[in-house]
Each structure stands twice: as C-alpha cells, then as structure tokens.
C-alpha cells in the first residue's frame, strides 16, 4: 500500500468530541476509513455467501478496502 493510501485509510470516519464538565473534553475517534470500507465490502461479500470460508471473506474485504484506498489516492 502506498504511503498516500495508508494515510487516507487512517483518517477517522466518525470522530466525536464531547465537551464535559470543568472544561474537560472527551474525544472518541471511532473506526478509520480502512475499517469502514472493509466493513462495507464485507456486507457485499456476504450477500452471496454460500458456506464459504469466513476468514477468506474477511481477507477479501480488507483487500478490497486497500484497493479502493489506492485508487482514491491516485486522484490527489
């Protein structure tokens, strides 16, 4: 994975900042873009799941996410 694609994949999808009492701040970074894309790919792969190896489907989902990040990074 190229450096640019890796940096894009590390961006947070739904960061959340909560202002608390006494000027305290809690930040929840949520999942990163790579994890989000892999989850979406996994959903698509499961629509045609026919007793296949689950670990192989998970690996495919991550490869799909990485490929998407690479492709998106080419435009920058």
N, C-alpha and C. Protein backbone atom coordinates (compact mmCIF):
# COMPACT_ATOMS: atom_id res chain seq x y z
N UNK A 1 0.86 -1.18 0.00
CA UNK A 1 0.00 0.00 0.00
C UNK A 1 0.90 1.23 0.00
N UNK A 2 0.58 2.17 -0.85
CA UNK A 2 1.38 3.40 -0.91
C UNK A 2 1.18 4.22 0.37
N UNK A 3 2.12 5.10 0.62
CA UNK A 3 2.05 5.95 1.81
C UNK A 3 0.80 6.82 1.79
N UNK A 4 0.47 7.35 0.61
CA UNK A 4 -0.70 8.23 0.48
C UNK A 4 -1.99 7.45 0.79
N UNK A 5 -2.08 6.22 0.28
CA UNK A 5 -3.27 5.41 0.53
C UNK A 5 -3.37 5.03 2.01
N UNK A 6 -2.22 4.72 2.61
CA UNK A 6 -2.22 4.37 4.03
C UNK A 6 -2.66 5.55 4.89
N UNK A 7 -2.18 6.74 4.57
CA UNK A 7 -2.57 7.93 5.33
C UNK A 7 -4.07 8.19 5.18
N UNK A 8 -4.60 8.01 3.96
CA UNK A 8 -6.04 8.19 3.75
C UNK A 8 -6.82 7.17 4.57
N UNK A 9 -6.36 5.94 4.61
CA UNK A 9 -7.04 4.88 5.34
C UNK A 9 -7.04 5.07 6.84
N UNK A 10 -6.09 5.85 7.35
CA UNK A 10 -6.01 6.09 8.79
C UNK A 10 -6.91 7.24 9.25
N UNK A 11 -7.54 7.94 8.31
CA UNK A 11 -8.46 9.03 8.69
C UNK A 11 -9.66 8.45 9.41
N UNK A 12 -10.14 9.17 10.38
CA UNK A 12 -11.31 8.71 11.15
C UNK A 12 -12.59 8.99 10.39
N UNK A 13 -13.51 8.05 10.48
CA UNK A 13 -14.78 8.17 9.76
C UNK A 13 -15.76 9.04 10.52
N UNK A 14 -16.00 8.72 11.77
CA UNK A 14 -16.98 9.46 12.57
C UNK A 14 -16.38 9.90 13.90
N UNK A 15 -15.43 10.83 13.89
CA UNK A 15 -14.88 11.28 15.17
C UNK A 15 -15.95 12.04 15.96
N UNK A 16 -15.86 11.95 17.25
CA UNK A 16 -16.86 12.56 18.12
C UNK A 16 -16.16 13.29 19.25
N UNK A 17 -16.47 14.57 19.41
CA UNK A 17 -15.91 15.37 20.50
C UNK A 17 -17.05 15.72 21.45
N UNK A 18 -16.85 15.40 22.71
CA UNK A 18 -17.86 15.68 23.72
C UNK A 18 -17.27 16.63 24.76
N UNK A 19 -17.88 17.79 24.90
CA UNK A 19 -17.44 18.73 25.93
C UNK A 19 -18.07 18.33 27.25
N UNK A 20 -17.21 18.14 28.24
CA UNK A 20 -17.70 17.73 29.54
C UNK A 20 -17.65 18.85 30.56
N UNK A 21 -17.78 18.48 31.80
CA UNK A 21 -17.74 19.45 32.90
C UNK A 21 -16.32 19.93 33.13
N UNK A 22 -16.20 21.10 33.70
CA UNK A 22 -14.91 21.67 34.09
C UNK A 22 -13.92 21.71 32.93
N UNK A 23 -14.39 22.11 31.77
CA UNK A 23 -13.54 22.25 30.58
C UNK A 23 -12.89 20.94 30.13
N UNK A 24 -13.43 19.81 30.53
CA UNK A 24 -12.88 18.54 30.07
C UNK A 24 -13.45 18.19 28.70
N UNK A 25 -12.68 17.50 27.92
CA UNK A 25 -13.10 17.11 26.59
C UNK A 25 -12.79 15.63 26.41
N UNK A 26 -13.77 14.91 25.89
CA UNK A 26 -13.56 13.50 25.58
C UNK A 26 -13.69 13.34 24.07
N UNK A 27 -12.71 12.71 23.47
CA UNK A 27 -12.74 12.50 22.02
C UNK A 27 -12.75 11.01 21.75
N UNK A 28 -13.72 10.59 20.96
CA UNK A 28 -13.80 9.20 20.51
C UNK A 28 -13.56 9.21 19.01
N UNK A 29 -12.53 8.53 18.58
CA UNK A 29 -12.15 8.60 17.17
C UNK A 29 -12.90 7.63 16.28
N UNK A 30 -13.54 6.65 16.83
CA UNK A 30 -14.30 5.71 16.01
C UNK A 30 -13.40 4.88 15.13
N UNK A 31 -13.97 4.30 14.11
CA UNK A 31 -13.18 3.47 13.21
C UNK A 31 -12.52 4.33 12.14
N UNK A 32 -11.46 3.77 11.55
CA UNK A 32 -10.81 4.52 10.49
C UNK A 32 -11.43 4.16 9.14
N UNK A 33 -11.05 4.88 8.12
CA UNK A 33 -11.64 4.73 6.80
C UNK A 33 -11.39 3.34 6.23
N UNK A 34 -10.22 2.78 6.49
CA UNK A 34 -9.91 1.42 6.00
C UNK A 34 -10.87 0.40 6.61
N UNK A 35 -11.08 0.50 7.91
CA UNK A 35 -12.01 -0.41 8.59
C UNK A 35 -13.43 -0.22 8.06
N UNK A 36 -13.82 1.00 7.82
CA UNK A 36 -15.16 1.29 7.33
C UNK A 36 -15.37 0.69 5.94
N UNK A 37 -14.40 0.92 5.05
CA UNK A 37 -14.51 0.36 3.70
C UNK A 37 -14.52 -1.16 3.73
N UNK A 38 -13.70 -1.75 4.60
CA UNK A 38 -13.67 -3.21 4.71
C UNK A 38 -15.02 -3.74 5.18
N UNK A 39 -15.65 -3.04 6.11
CA UNK A 39 -16.97 -3.46 6.59
C UNK A 39 -18.02 -3.39 5.50
N UNK A 40 -17.95 -2.35 4.69
CA UNK A 40 -18.90 -2.24 3.58
C UNK A 40 -18.67 -3.35 2.55
N UNK A 41 -17.40 -3.63 2.27
CA UNK A 41 -17.08 -4.70 1.32
C UNK A 41 -17.56 -6.04 1.88
N UNK A 42 -17.39 -6.24 3.17
CA UNK A 42 -17.82 -7.49 3.81
C UNK A 42 -19.33 -7.68 3.66
N UNK A 43 -20.08 -6.61 3.79
CA UNK A 43 -21.54 -6.70 3.61
C UNK A 43 -21.87 -7.19 2.21
N UNK A 44 -21.18 -6.63 1.23
CA UNK A 44 -21.43 -7.05 -0.14
C UNK A 44 -21.04 -8.50 -0.38
N UNK A 45 -19.91 -8.91 0.18
CA UNK A 45 -19.48 -10.29 0.01
C UNK A 45 -20.45 -11.27 0.67
N UNK A 46 -21.03 -10.88 1.77
CA UNK A 46 -21.95 -11.78 2.48
C UNK A 46 -23.29 -11.93 1.77
N UNK A 47 -23.62 -11.05 0.85
CA UNK A 47 -24.89 -11.20 0.15
C UNK A 47 -24.90 -12.45 -0.72
N UNK A 48 -23.72 -12.89 -1.14
CA UNK A 48 -23.61 -14.11 -1.95
C UNK A 48 -22.91 -15.24 -1.21
N UNK A 49 -22.86 -15.15 0.10
CA UNK A 49 -22.16 -16.13 0.93
C UNK A 49 -22.86 -17.49 0.87
N UNK A 50 -22.14 -18.51 0.46
CA UNK A 50 -22.69 -19.86 0.37
C UNK A 50 -21.75 -20.84 1.08
N UNK A 51 -21.76 -20.81 2.40
CA UNK A 51 -20.91 -21.72 3.19
C UNK A 51 -19.45 -21.62 2.81
N UNK A 52 -19.00 -20.43 2.52
CA UNK A 52 -17.60 -20.22 2.19
C UNK A 52 -16.81 -19.96 3.46
N UNK A 53 -15.52 -19.97 3.32
CA UNK A 53 -14.62 -19.73 4.44
C UNK A 53 -14.75 -18.27 4.89
N UNK A 54 -15.21 -18.06 6.10
CA UNK A 54 -15.43 -16.70 6.63
C UNK A 54 -14.12 -15.91 6.69
N UNK A 55 -13.04 -16.57 7.10
CA UNK A 55 -11.75 -15.88 7.18
C UNK A 55 -11.30 -15.40 5.80
N UNK A 56 -11.58 -16.18 4.77
CA UNK A 56 -11.23 -15.78 3.41
C UNK A 56 -12.06 -14.58 2.98
N UNK A 57 -13.34 -14.56 3.37
CA UNK A 57 -14.19 -13.40 3.04
C UNK A 57 -13.67 -12.15 3.73
N UNK A 58 -13.26 -12.28 4.98
CA UNK A 58 -12.72 -11.13 5.72
C UNK A 58 -11.44 -10.62 5.05
N UNK A 59 -10.59 -11.54 4.65
CA UNK A 59 -9.34 -11.16 3.96
C UNK A 59 -9.65 -10.46 2.65
N UNK A 60 -10.62 -10.98 1.90
CA UNK A 60 -11.02 -10.34 0.65
C UNK A 60 -11.56 -8.93 0.89
N UNK A 61 -12.32 -8.75 1.96
CA UNK A 61 -12.89 -7.44 2.27
C UNK A 61 -11.78 -6.43 2.54
N UNK A 62 -10.75 -6.83 3.24
CA UNK A 62 -9.63 -5.93 3.53
C UNK A 62 -8.87 -5.61 2.25
N UNK A 63 -8.68 -6.59 1.39
CA UNK A 63 -8.01 -6.34 0.11
C UNK A 63 -8.82 -5.39 -0.76
N UNK A 64 -10.13 -5.52 -0.75
CA UNK A 64 -10.99 -4.61 -1.49
C UNK A 64 -10.86 -3.19 -0.94
N UNK A 65 -10.87 -3.06 0.38
CA UNK A 65 -10.72 -1.74 1.02
C UNK A 65 -9.38 -1.12 0.64
N UNK A 66 -8.31 -1.91 0.68
CA UNK A 66 -6.99 -1.39 0.33
C UNK A 66 -6.94 -0.95 -1.13
N UNK A 67 -7.56 -1.74 -2.00
CA UNK A 67 -7.58 -1.39 -3.43
C UNK A 67 -8.34 -0.08 -3.65
N UNK A 68 -9.43 0.10 -2.93
CA UNK A 68 -10.20 1.34 -3.05
C UNK A 68 -9.39 2.53 -2.56
N UNK A 69 -8.70 2.38 -1.45
CA UNK A 69 -7.86 3.47 -0.93
C UNK A 69 -6.75 3.82 -1.91
N UNK A 70 -6.15 2.81 -2.53
CA UNK A 70 -5.11 3.06 -3.55
C UNK A 70 -5.68 3.85 -4.72
N UNK A 71 -6.83 3.42 -5.18
CA UNK A 71 -7.46 4.07 -6.33
C UNK A 71 -7.85 5.52 -6.01
N UNK A 72 -8.41 5.73 -4.84
CA UNK A 72 -8.79 7.08 -4.44
C UNK A 72 -7.59 8.01 -4.26
N UNK A 73 -6.46 7.44 -3.90
CA UNK A 73 -5.26 8.24 -3.68
C UNK A 73 -4.60 8.68 -4.99
N UNK A 74 -4.93 8.02 -6.08
CA UNK A 74 -4.36 8.39 -7.37
C UNK A 74 -4.83 9.77 -7.85
N UNK A 75 -6.00 10.18 -7.43
CA UNK A 75 -6.57 11.46 -7.87
C UNK A 75 -5.93 12.66 -7.19
N UNK A 76 -5.23 12.43 -6.12
CA UNK A 76 -4.67 13.56 -5.36
C UNK A 76 -3.33 13.99 -5.90
